[in-house]
Amino acid sequence: MDRCELCGRTGVETTIHHLLPKEKGGTFGATATLCIPCHKQIHALYTNEELAIRLSTIEDLRQDEKLMSFVKWIRKQPSGKLMRIRKSNERKQKGR
């Protein structure tokens, strides 16, 4: 168990998030350690292209308006709780 670099929760299962998506050349680039819900939420809200263009640092992610409300909410959730994350309607329309 680890600490999420986005929401700051500790004792959570984490995954590695490539700050520059692998398909955009980030295979060997900087990464962030994120809890599963935060990682899923990022990919539910944004395409890899959007992430590459304007959300390629942990600070950019922290400052993003859509993610800020999720992070504020997730910080209050128990570390063992896994929740269902759905792709936003806006993201669905943009495709993968």
Protein backbone atom coordinates (compact mmCIF):
# COMPACT_ATOMS: atom_id res chain seq x y z
CA MET A 1 0.00 0.00 0.00
CA ASP A 2 1.16 3.47 -0.83
CA ARG A 3 0.26 7.17 -0.99
CA CYS A 4 -1.59 8.77 -3.92
CA GLU A 5 0.25 11.79 -5.33
CA LEU A 6 -3.03 13.39 -6.46
CA CYS A 7 -5.44 13.03 -3.53
CA GLY A 8 -2.85 12.42 -0.82
CA ARG A 9 -4.63 9.43 0.71
CA THR A 10 -2.34 6.85 2.31
CA GLY A 11 -2.74 3.11 2.66
CA VAL A 12 -4.26 2.85 -0.82
CA GLU A 13 -3.51 0.47 -3.64
CA THR A 14 -1.70 2.46 -6.31
CA THR A 15 -0.94 2.31 -10.01
CA ILE A 16 1.59 4.10 -12.17
CA HIS A 17 0.23 6.95 -14.30
CA HIS A 18 2.37 8.12 -17.22
CA LEU A 19 2.14 11.91 -17.08
CA LEU A 20 2.72 12.02 -20.82
CA PRO A 21 0.61 9.14 -22.20
CA LYS A 22 2.63 6.25 -23.62
CA GLU A 23 0.94 6.59 -27.02
CA LYS A 24 2.13 10.23 -27.09
CA GLY A 25 5.78 9.31 -26.42
CA GLY A 26 5.74 9.03 -22.64
CA THR A 27 6.76 5.38 -22.28
CA PHE A 28 10.02 6.27 -20.54
CA GLY A 29 8.94 9.67 -19.22
CA ALA A 30 7.82 10.93 -15.83
CA THR A 31 5.19 8.99 -13.90
CA ALA A 32 3.01 9.57 -10.85
CA THR A 33 1.84 7.08 -8.23
CA LEU A 34 -1.95 7.33 -8.09
CA CYS A 35 -4.69 5.45 -6.26
CA ILE A 36 -6.91 3.44 -8.57
CA PRO A 37 -9.95 5.78 -8.29
CA CYS A 38 -7.89 8.90 -9.12
CA HIS A 39 -6.20 7.16 -12.05
CA LYS A 40 -9.53 5.95 -13.43
CA GLN A 41 -11.11 9.39 -12.97
CA ILE A 42 -8.35 11.07 -14.99
CA HIS A 43 -8.89 8.69 -17.91
CA ALA A 44 -12.68 8.92 -17.60
CA LEU A 45 -12.53 12.70 -18.00
CA TYR A 46 -9.78 13.20 -20.57
CA THR A 47 -8.44 11.74 -23.79
CA ASN A 48 -4.73 10.94 -24.03
CA GLU A 49 -4.39 13.90 -26.38
CA GLU A 50 -5.85 16.28 -23.78
CA LEU A 51 -3.58 14.83 -21.11
CA ALA A 52 -0.52 15.27 -23.35
CA ILE A 53 -1.38 18.86 -24.29
CA ARG A 54 -2.40 20.41 -20.99
CA LEU A 55 -2.33 17.93 -18.09
CA SER A 56 1.14 16.39 -18.23
CA THR A 57 2.30 17.25 -14.69
CA ILE A 58 0.89 16.32 -11.31
CA GLU A 59 0.50 20.06 -10.58
CA ASP A 60 -1.55 20.55 -13.78
CA LEU A 61 -3.80 17.69 -12.67
CA ARG A 62 -4.19 19.17 -9.16
CA GLN A 63 -5.16 22.56 -10.64
CA ASP A 64 -7.71 21.16 -13.11
CA GLU A 65 -11.23 22.32 -12.28
CA LYS A 66 -12.94 19.01 -13.10
CA LEU A 67 -10.48 16.99 -11.06
CA MET A 68 -10.46 19.37 -8.09
CA SER A 69 -14.02 18.51 -7.06
CA PHE A 70 -13.32 14.78 -7.40
CA VAL A 71 -10.12 15.05 -5.34
CA LYS A 72 -11.94 17.04 -2.65
CA TRP A 73 -14.55 14.26 -2.45
CA ILE A 74 -12.18 11.28 -2.67
CA ARG A 75 -10.01 12.60 0.19
CA LYS A 76 -12.95 11.99 2.52
CA GLN A 77 -13.39 8.37 1.41
CA PRO A 78 -11.86 5.40 3.28
CA SER A 79 -8.67 4.11 1.67
CA GLY A 80 -10.09 0.62 1.13
CA LYS A 81 -13.19 1.83 -0.69
CA LEU A 82 -13.25 1.21 -4.44
CA MET A 83 -15.88 3.06 -6.37
CA ARG A 84 -17.27 2.83 -9.83
CA ILE A 85 -15.90 5.45 -12.20
CA ARG A 86 -17.83 6.25 -15.35
CA LYS A 87 -16.59 8.01 -18.44
CA SER A 88 -18.01 11.54 -18.61
CA ASN A 89 -20.59 12.25 -21.30
CA GLU A 90 -18.27 14.85 -22.78
CA ARG A 91 -15.46 12.28 -22.94
CA LYS A 92 -17.79 9.68 -24.52
CA GLN A 93 -18.54 12.09 -27.36
CA LYS A 94 -14.83 12.69 -28.02
CA GLY A 95 -14.16 8.98 -28.43
CA ARG A 96 -11.06 7.26 -27.17
